[in-house]
Amino acid sequence: MKSQDETLEEWCRALLQALELEDIEIDINEVLGLAGVAAHSVVRPAAPLTTFIAGFAAGLAAGSGQADDGVAMQAAMGVARKLAKEHAAAEAPGA
């Protein structure tokens, strides 16, 4: 039986191939980490929404030539992570 990590790696490769993005490198742990921050800092359904929007923003930045793929993804994920943490702090009791 495959581990969760192996399954995610295979799924990621299959999805990238189906979308003709084989040359794109994805840091699965980083994406899952961002999803976790969003889920715990905002609400659980914010996880897929946050990762989708961050990926979309990174794609637009990379596609327009503002940054290469890696820089665009790290920047978008950094903004999303910071915003989610700020949201949690603002919602905390006594904030």
C-alpha atoms as a PDB file:
ATOM      1  CA  MET A   1       0.000   0.000   0.000  1.00  0.00           C
ATOM      2  CA  LYS A   2       1.300   3.468  -0.929  1.00  0.00           C
ATOM      3  CA  SER A   3       1.935   6.125   1.662  1.00  0.00           C
ATOM      4  CA  GLN A   4       0.050   9.412   1.582  1.00  0.00           C
ATOM      5  CA  ASP A   5       3.232  11.178   0.450  1.00  0.00           C
ATOM      6  CA  GLU A   6       3.718   8.735  -2.435  1.00  0.00           C
ATOM      7  CA  THR A   7       0.088   9.117  -3.467  1.00  0.00           C
ATOM      8  CA  LEU A   8       0.348  12.921  -3.404  1.00  0.00           C
ATOM      9  CA  GLU A   9       3.589  12.850  -5.432  1.00  0.00           C
ATOM     10  CA  GLU A  10       1.986  10.592  -8.058  1.00  0.00           C
ATOM     11  CA  TRP A  11      -1.181  12.697  -8.145  1.00  0.00           C
ATOM     12  CA  CYS A  12       0.845  15.894  -8.502  1.00  0.00           C
ATOM     13  CA  ARG A  13       2.875  14.459 -11.407  1.00  0.00           C
ATOM     14  CA  ALA A  14      -0.266  13.130 -13.115  1.00  0.00           C
ATOM     15  CA  LEU A  15      -2.100  16.432 -12.760  1.00  0.00           C
ATOM     16  CA  LEU A  16       0.866  18.452 -13.983  1.00  0.00           C
ATOM     17  CA  GLN A  17       1.201  16.142 -16.974  1.00  0.00           C
ATOM     18  CA  ALA A  18      -2.530  16.358 -17.786  1.00  0.00           C
ATOM     19  CA  LEU A  19      -2.309  20.154 -17.640  1.00  0.00           C
ATOM     20  CA  GLU A  20       0.876  20.127 -19.750  1.00  0.00           C
ATOM     21  CA  LEU A  21       2.935  21.595 -16.910  1.00  0.00           C
ATOM     22  CA  GLU A  22       5.534  18.844 -16.581  1.00  0.00           C
ATOM     23  CA  ASP A  23       8.401  21.329 -16.263  1.00  0.00           C
ATOM     24  CA  ILE A  24       6.856  23.041 -13.224  1.00  0.00           C
ATOM     25  CA  GLU A  25       8.198  22.081  -9.820  1.00  0.00           C
ATOM     26  CA  ILE A  26       5.737  21.984  -6.942  1.00  0.00           C
ATOM     27  CA  ASP A  27       6.739  21.961  -3.290  1.00  0.00           C
ATOM     28  CA  ILE A  28       3.842  19.880  -2.007  1.00  0.00           C
ATOM     29  CA  ASN A  29       4.752  20.414   1.645  1.00  0.00           C
ATOM     30  CA  GLU A  30       4.815  24.185   1.168  1.00  0.00           C
ATOM     31  CA  VAL A  31       1.384  24.157  -0.494  1.00  0.00           C
ATOM     32  CA  LEU A  32      -0.036  21.913   2.224  1.00  0.00           C
ATOM     33  CA  GLY A  33       1.522  24.134   4.867  1.00  0.00           C
ATOM     34  CA  LEU A  34      -0.183  27.189   3.404  1.00  0.00           C
ATOM     35  CA  ALA A  35      -3.469  25.278   3.291  1.00  0.00           C
ATOM     36  CA  GLY A  36      -3.028  24.386   6.951  1.00  0.00           C
ATOM     37  CA  VAL A  37      -2.373  27.986   7.951  1.00  0.00           C
ATOM     38  CA  ALA A  38      -5.474  29.138   6.057  1.00  0.00           C
ATOM     39  CA  ALA A  39      -7.639  26.356   7.499  1.00  0.00           C
ATOM     40  CA  HIS A  40      -6.603  27.099  11.066  1.00  0.00           C
ATOM     41  CA  SER A  41      -6.369  30.883  10.800  1.00  0.00           C
ATOM     42  CA  VAL A  42      -9.527  31.611   8.832  1.00  0.00           C
ATOM     43  CA  VAL A  43     -11.936  28.671   8.406  1.00  0.00           C
ATOM     44  CA  ARG A  44     -11.354  25.173   7.071  1.00  0.00           C
ATOM     45  CA  PRO A  45     -12.783  25.872   3.576  1.00  0.00           C
ATOM     46  CA  ALA A  46     -10.269  28.709   3.226  1.00  0.00           C
ATOM     47  CA  ALA A  47      -7.550  26.096   2.621  1.00  0.00           C
ATOM     48  CA  PRO A  48      -8.354  25.158  -0.989  1.00  0.00           C
ATOM     49  CA  LEU A  49      -9.540  28.668  -1.782  1.00  0.00           C
ATOM     50  CA  THR A  50      -6.317  30.212  -0.498  1.00  0.00           C
ATOM     51  CA  THR A  51      -4.045  27.796  -2.341  1.00  0.00           C
ATOM     52  CA  PHE A  52      -6.037  28.242  -5.567  1.00  0.00           C
ATOM     53  CA  ILE A  53      -5.886  32.037  -5.409  1.00  0.00           C
ATOM     54  CA  ALA A  54      -2.179  32.029  -4.516  1.00  0.00           C
ATOM     55  CA  GLY A  55      -1.474  29.699  -7.437  1.00  0.00           C
ATOM     56  CA  PHE A  56      -3.564  31.815  -9.785  1.00  0.00           C
ATOM     57  CA  ALA A  57      -1.757  34.987  -8.694  1.00  0.00           C
ATOM     58  CA  ALA A  58       1.611  33.289  -9.134  1.00  0.00           C
ATOM     59  CA  GLY A  59       0.616  32.107 -12.597  1.00  0.00           C
ATOM     60  CA  LEU A  60      -0.416  35.599 -13.629  1.00  0.00           C
ATOM     61  CA  ALA A  61       2.830  37.078 -12.309  1.00  0.00           C
ATOM     62  CA  ALA A  62       4.961  34.450 -14.027  1.00  0.00           C
ATOM     63  CA  GLY A  63       2.947  34.591 -17.247  1.00  0.00           C
ATOM     64  CA  SER A  64       3.258  38.350 -17.490  1.00  0.00           C
ATOM     65  CA  GLY A  65       7.002  38.202 -16.925  1.00  0.00           C
ATOM     66  CA  GLN A  66       6.931  39.936 -13.535  1.00  0.00           C
ATOM     67  CA  ALA A  67       8.843  37.034 -11.951  1.00  0.00           C
ATOM     68  CA  ASP A  68       9.980  33.509 -12.710  1.00  0.00           C
ATOM     69  CA  ASP A  69       7.774  30.621 -11.585  1.00  0.00           C
ATOM     70  CA  GLY A  70       9.516  29.951  -8.288  1.00  0.00           C
ATOM     71  CA  VAL A  71       9.728  33.575  -7.203  1.00  0.00           C
ATOM     72  CA  ALA A  72       6.113  34.219  -8.200  1.00  0.00           C
ATOM     73  CA  MET A  73       4.876  31.204  -6.234  1.00  0.00           C
ATOM     74  CA  GLN A  74       6.910  32.032  -3.127  1.00  0.00           C
ATOM     75  CA  ALA A  75       5.727  35.656  -3.205  1.00  0.00           C
ATOM     76  CA  ALA A  76       2.058  34.748  -3.626  1.00  0.00           C
ATOM     77  CA  MET A  77       2.210  32.090  -0.929  1.00  0.00           C
ATOM     78  CA  GLY A  78       4.015  34.499   1.393  1.00  0.00           C
ATOM     79  CA  VAL A  79       1.310  37.121   0.973  1.00  0.00           C
ATOM     80  CA  ALA A  80      -1.429  34.536   1.549  1.00  0.00           C
ATOM     81  CA  ARG A  81       0.287  33.113   4.642  1.00  0.00           C
ATOM     82  CA  LYS A  82       0.821  36.606   6.120  1.00  0.00           C
ATOM     83  CA  LEU A  83      -2.772  37.634   5.473  1.00  0.00           C
ATOM     84  CA  ALA A  84      -4.145  34.439   7.030  1.00  0.00           C
ATOM     85  CA  LYS A  85      -2.036  34.940  10.155  1.00  0.00           C
ATOM     86  CA  GLU A  86      -3.118  38.591  10.389  1.00  0.00           C
ATOM     87  CA  HIS A  87      -6.732  37.454  10.066  1.00  0.00           C
ATOM     88  CA  ALA A  88      -6.285  35.021  12.950  1.00  0.00           C
ATOM     89  CA  ALA A  89      -4.670  37.700  15.110  1.00  0.00           C
ATOM     90  CA  ALA A  90      -7.477  40.162  14.375  1.00  0.00           C
ATOM     91  CA  GLU A  91     -10.113  37.561  15.224  1.00  0.00           C
ATOM     92  CA  ALA A  92      -8.419  36.454  18.457  1.00  0.00           C
ATOM     93  CA  PRO A  93     -10.200  37.300  21.707  1.00  0.00           C
ATOM     94  CA  GLY A  94      -9.013  40.652  23.003  1.00  0.00           C
ATOM     95  CA  ALA A  95      -7.664  41.758  19.633  1.00  0.00           C
END
